């Protein structure tokens, strides 16, 4: 039923009930900011199924990491290096530190060692 995977109203209702339903929607709707935000608010790991463009969208990734910081693992490399996003993720779940870009980890390590 491909027409259902591309029906905004049906998809929106589905992801609001189960964010992981995002896995099964059309590519077009995986790139719809509102649908993806509702999906990650319901289940943060749904970020895995968002379009690459939305994995690099600060608003979308913040919505996910505010639910579970470890969802940072599915963010774009650029946002894994974004201090605002990383801070929100770590504040929500300290384990998100393992998902942070190596560059940001090294920067923080140097600050701790040399300050």
C-alpha atoms as a PDB file:
ATOM      1  CA  UNK A   1       0.000   0.000   0.000  1.00  0.00           C
ATOM      2  CA  UNK A   2       2.417   2.663  -1.183  1.00  0.00           C
ATOM      3  CA  UNK A   3      -0.266   5.357  -1.084  1.00  0.00           C
ATOM      4  CA  UNK A   4      -0.497   4.999   2.717  1.00  0.00           C
ATOM      5  CA  UNK A   5       3.258   5.504   3.135  1.00  0.00           C
ATOM      6  CA  UNK A   6       2.920   8.892   1.473  1.00  0.00           C
ATOM      7  CA  UNK A   7      -0.315  10.056   3.132  1.00  0.00           C
ATOM      8  CA  UNK A   8       0.669  12.811   5.587  1.00  0.00           C
ATOM      9  CA  UNK A   9      -2.361  12.448   7.855  1.00  0.00           C
ATOM     10  CA  UNK A  10      -2.035   8.668   8.173  1.00  0.00           C
ATOM     11  CA  UNK A  11       1.723   8.823   8.653  1.00  0.00           C
ATOM     12  CA  UNK A  12       1.430  11.572  11.250  1.00  0.00           C
ATOM     13  CA  UNK A  13      -1.099   9.546  13.241  1.00  0.00           C
ATOM     14  CA  UNK A  14       1.132   6.469  12.976  1.00  0.00           C
ATOM     15  CA  UNK A  15       4.353   8.144  14.169  1.00  0.00           C
ATOM     16  CA  UNK A  16       2.531   9.842  17.029  1.00  0.00           C
ATOM     17  CA  UNK A  17       1.528   6.373  18.243  1.00  0.00           C
ATOM     18  CA  UNK A  18       4.844   4.689  17.446  1.00  0.00           C
ATOM     19  CA  UNK A  19       7.804   6.771  16.340  1.00  0.00           C
ATOM     20  CA  UNK A  20       9.473   3.743  14.791  1.00  0.00           C
ATOM     21  CA  UNK A  21       6.737   3.715  12.156  1.00  0.00           C
ATOM     22  CA  UNK A  22       8.967   6.295  10.461  1.00  0.00           C
ATOM     23  CA  UNK A  23      11.004   3.374   9.133  1.00  0.00           C
ATOM     24  CA  UNK A  24       8.155   2.424   6.810  1.00  0.00           C
ATOM     25  CA  UNK A  25       7.093   5.793   5.404  1.00  0.00           C
ATOM     26  CA  UNK A  26       8.009   7.238   2.027  1.00  0.00           C
ATOM     27  CA  UNK A  27      11.340   8.956   1.482  1.00  0.00           C
ATOM     28  CA  UNK A  28       9.456  12.188   0.920  1.00  0.00           C
ATOM     29  CA  UNK A  29       7.859  12.052   4.375  1.00  0.00           C
ATOM     30  CA  UNK A  30      11.125  10.978   6.027  1.00  0.00           C
ATOM     31  CA  UNK A  31      12.210  14.438   4.913  1.00  0.00           C
ATOM     32  CA  UNK A  32       9.163  16.199   6.395  1.00  0.00           C
ATOM     33  CA  UNK A  33      10.316  18.138   9.467  1.00  0.00           C
ATOM     34  CA  UNK A  34       6.973  18.036  11.296  1.00  0.00           C
ATOM     35  CA  UNK A  35       6.499  14.298  10.835  1.00  0.00           C
ATOM     36  CA  UNK A  36      10.042  13.489  11.891  1.00  0.00           C
ATOM     37  CA  UNK A  37       9.843  15.740  14.961  1.00  0.00           C
ATOM     38  CA  UNK A  38       6.638  14.007  16.054  1.00  0.00           C
ATOM     39  CA  UNK A  39       8.290  10.631  15.492  1.00  0.00           C
ATOM     40  CA  UNK A  40      11.416  11.432  17.530  1.00  0.00           C
ATOM     41  CA  UNK A  41       9.355  12.997  20.307  1.00  0.00           C
ATOM     42  CA  UNK A  42       7.474   9.717  20.562  1.00  0.00           C
ATOM     43  CA  UNK A  43      10.608   7.534  20.221  1.00  0.00           C
ATOM     44  CA  UNK A  44      13.958   9.274  19.965  1.00  0.00           C
ATOM     45  CA  UNK A  45      15.707   6.484  18.063  1.00  0.00           C
ATOM     46  CA  UNK A  46      13.328   7.050  15.147  1.00  0.00           C
ATOM     47  CA  UNK A  47      15.946   9.624  14.132  1.00  0.00           C
ATOM     48  CA  UNK A  48      17.738   6.685  12.512  1.00  0.00           C
ATOM     49  CA  UNK A  49      15.058   6.638   9.786  1.00  0.00           C
ATOM     50  CA  UNK A  50      14.953  10.370   9.089  1.00  0.00           C
ATOM     51  CA  UNK A  51      16.416  11.690   5.865  1.00  0.00           C
ATOM     52  CA  UNK A  52      20.080  12.672   5.908  1.00  0.00           C
ATOM     53  CA  UNK A  53      18.965  16.273   5.548  1.00  0.00           C
ATOM     54  CA  UNK A  54      16.913  16.092   8.754  1.00  0.00           C
ATOM     55  CA  UNK A  55      19.664  14.227  10.607  1.00  0.00           C
ATOM     56  CA  UNK A  56      21.563  17.454  10.004  1.00  0.00           C
ATOM     57  CA  UNK A  57      18.670  19.676  11.160  1.00  0.00           C
ATOM     58  CA  UNK A  58      19.381  21.150  14.596  1.00  0.00           C
ATOM     59  CA  UNK A  59      15.705  21.451  15.536  1.00  0.00           C
ATOM     60  CA  UNK A  60      14.983  17.806  14.684  1.00  0.00           C
ATOM     61  CA  UNK A  61      18.067  16.432  16.412  1.00  0.00           C
ATOM     62  CA  UNK A  62      17.436  18.543  19.517  1.00  0.00           C
ATOM     63  CA  UNK A  63      13.908  17.110  19.716  1.00  0.00           C
ATOM     64  CA  UNK A  64      15.399  13.611  19.653  1.00  0.00           C
ATOM     65  CA  UNK A  65      18.246  14.136  22.126  1.00  0.00           C
ATOM     66  CA  UNK A  66      15.972  15.919  24.583  1.00  0.00           C
ATOM     67  CA  UNK A  67      14.039  12.638  24.784  1.00  0.00           C
ATOM     68  CA  UNK A  68      17.142  10.443  24.918  1.00  0.00           C
ATOM     69  CA  UNK A  69      20.624  11.888  24.597  1.00  0.00           C
ATOM     70  CA  UNK A  70      22.003   8.696  23.077  1.00  0.00           C
ATOM     71  CA  UNK A  71      19.874   9.345  19.981  1.00  0.00           C
ATOM     72  CA  UNK A  72      22.810  11.598  19.090  1.00  0.00           C
ATOM     73  CA  UNK A  73      24.346   8.489  17.545  1.00  0.00           C
ATOM     74  CA  UNK A  74      21.983   8.937  14.564  1.00  0.00           C
ATOM     75  CA  UNK A  75      22.730  12.643  14.032  1.00  0.00           C
ATOM     76  CA  UNK A  76      24.925  13.929  11.240  1.00  0.00           C
ATOM     77  CA  UNK A  77      28.670  14.289  11.896  1.00  0.00           C
ATOM     78  CA  UNK A  78      28.192  18.063  11.862  1.00  0.00           C
ATOM     79  CA  UNK A  79      25.646  17.972  14.670  1.00  0.00           C
ATOM     80  CA  UNK A  80      27.731  15.516  16.682  1.00  0.00           C
ATOM     81  CA  UNK A  81      30.218  18.383  16.681  1.00  0.00           C
ATOM     82  CA  UNK A  82      27.633  21.074  17.533  1.00  0.00           C
ATOM     83  CA  UNK A  83      28.144  22.207  21.135  1.00  0.00           C
ATOM     84  CA  UNK A  84      24.486  23.155  21.683  1.00  0.00           C
ATOM     85  CA  UNK A  85      23.213  19.773  20.498  1.00  0.00           C
ATOM     86  CA  UNK A  86      25.913  17.834  22.331  1.00  0.00           C
ATOM     87  CA  UNK A  87      25.288  19.678  25.585  1.00  0.00           C
ATOM     88  CA  UNK A  88      21.545  18.953  25.374  1.00  0.00           C
ATOM     89  CA  UNK A  89      22.283  15.287  24.697  1.00  0.00           C
ATOM     90  CA  UNK A  90      24.732  14.905  27.574  1.00  0.00           C
ATOM     91  CA  UNK A  91      22.458  16.763  29.986  1.00  0.00           C
ATOM     92  CA  UNK A  92      19.707  14.296  29.158  1.00  0.00           C
ATOM     93  CA  UNK A  93      21.940  11.200  29.292  1.00  0.00           C
ATOM     94  CA  UNK A  94      25.639  11.199  30.152  1.00  0.00           C
ATOM     95  CA  UNK A  95      26.151   8.149  27.934  1.00  0.00           C
ATOM     96  CA  UNK A  96      25.658  10.469  24.959  1.00  0.00           C
ATOM     97  CA  UNK A  97      29.283  11.457  25.485  1.00  0.00           C
ATOM     98  CA  UNK A  98      30.213   8.293  23.584  1.00  0.00           C
ATOM     99  CA  UNK A  99      28.329   9.613  20.526  1.00  0.00           C
ATOM    100  CA  UNK A 100      30.075  12.984  20.381  1.00  0.00           C
ATOM    101  CA  UNK A 101      32.469  13.745  17.535  1.00  0.00           C
ATOM    102  CA  UNK A 102      36.125  12.897  18.248  1.00  0.00           C
ATOM    103  CA  UNK A 103      37.008  16.552  17.593  1.00  0.00           C
ATOM    104  CA  UNK A 104      34.695  17.761  20.336  1.00  0.00           C
ATOM    105  CA  UNK A 105      35.833  15.007  22.708  1.00  0.00           C
ATOM    106  CA  UNK A 106      39.463  16.015  22.150  1.00  0.00           C
ATOM    107  CA  UNK A 107      38.648  19.699  22.621  1.00  0.00           C
ATOM    108  CA  UNK A 108      36.949  18.975  25.935  1.00  0.00           C
ATOM    109  CA  UNK A 109      39.775  16.709  27.090  1.00  0.00           C
ATOM    110  CA  UNK A 110      42.308  19.456  26.384  1.00  0.00           C
ATOM    111  CA  UNK A 111      40.209  21.966  28.329  1.00  0.00           C
ATOM    112  CA  UNK A 112      40.118  19.641  31.323  1.00  0.00           C
ATOM    113  CA  UNK A 113      43.825  18.831  31.196  1.00  0.00           C
ATOM    114  CA  UNK A 114      45.182  22.299  30.561  1.00  0.00           C
ATOM    115  CA  UNK A 115      42.828  24.551  32.533  1.00  0.00           C
END
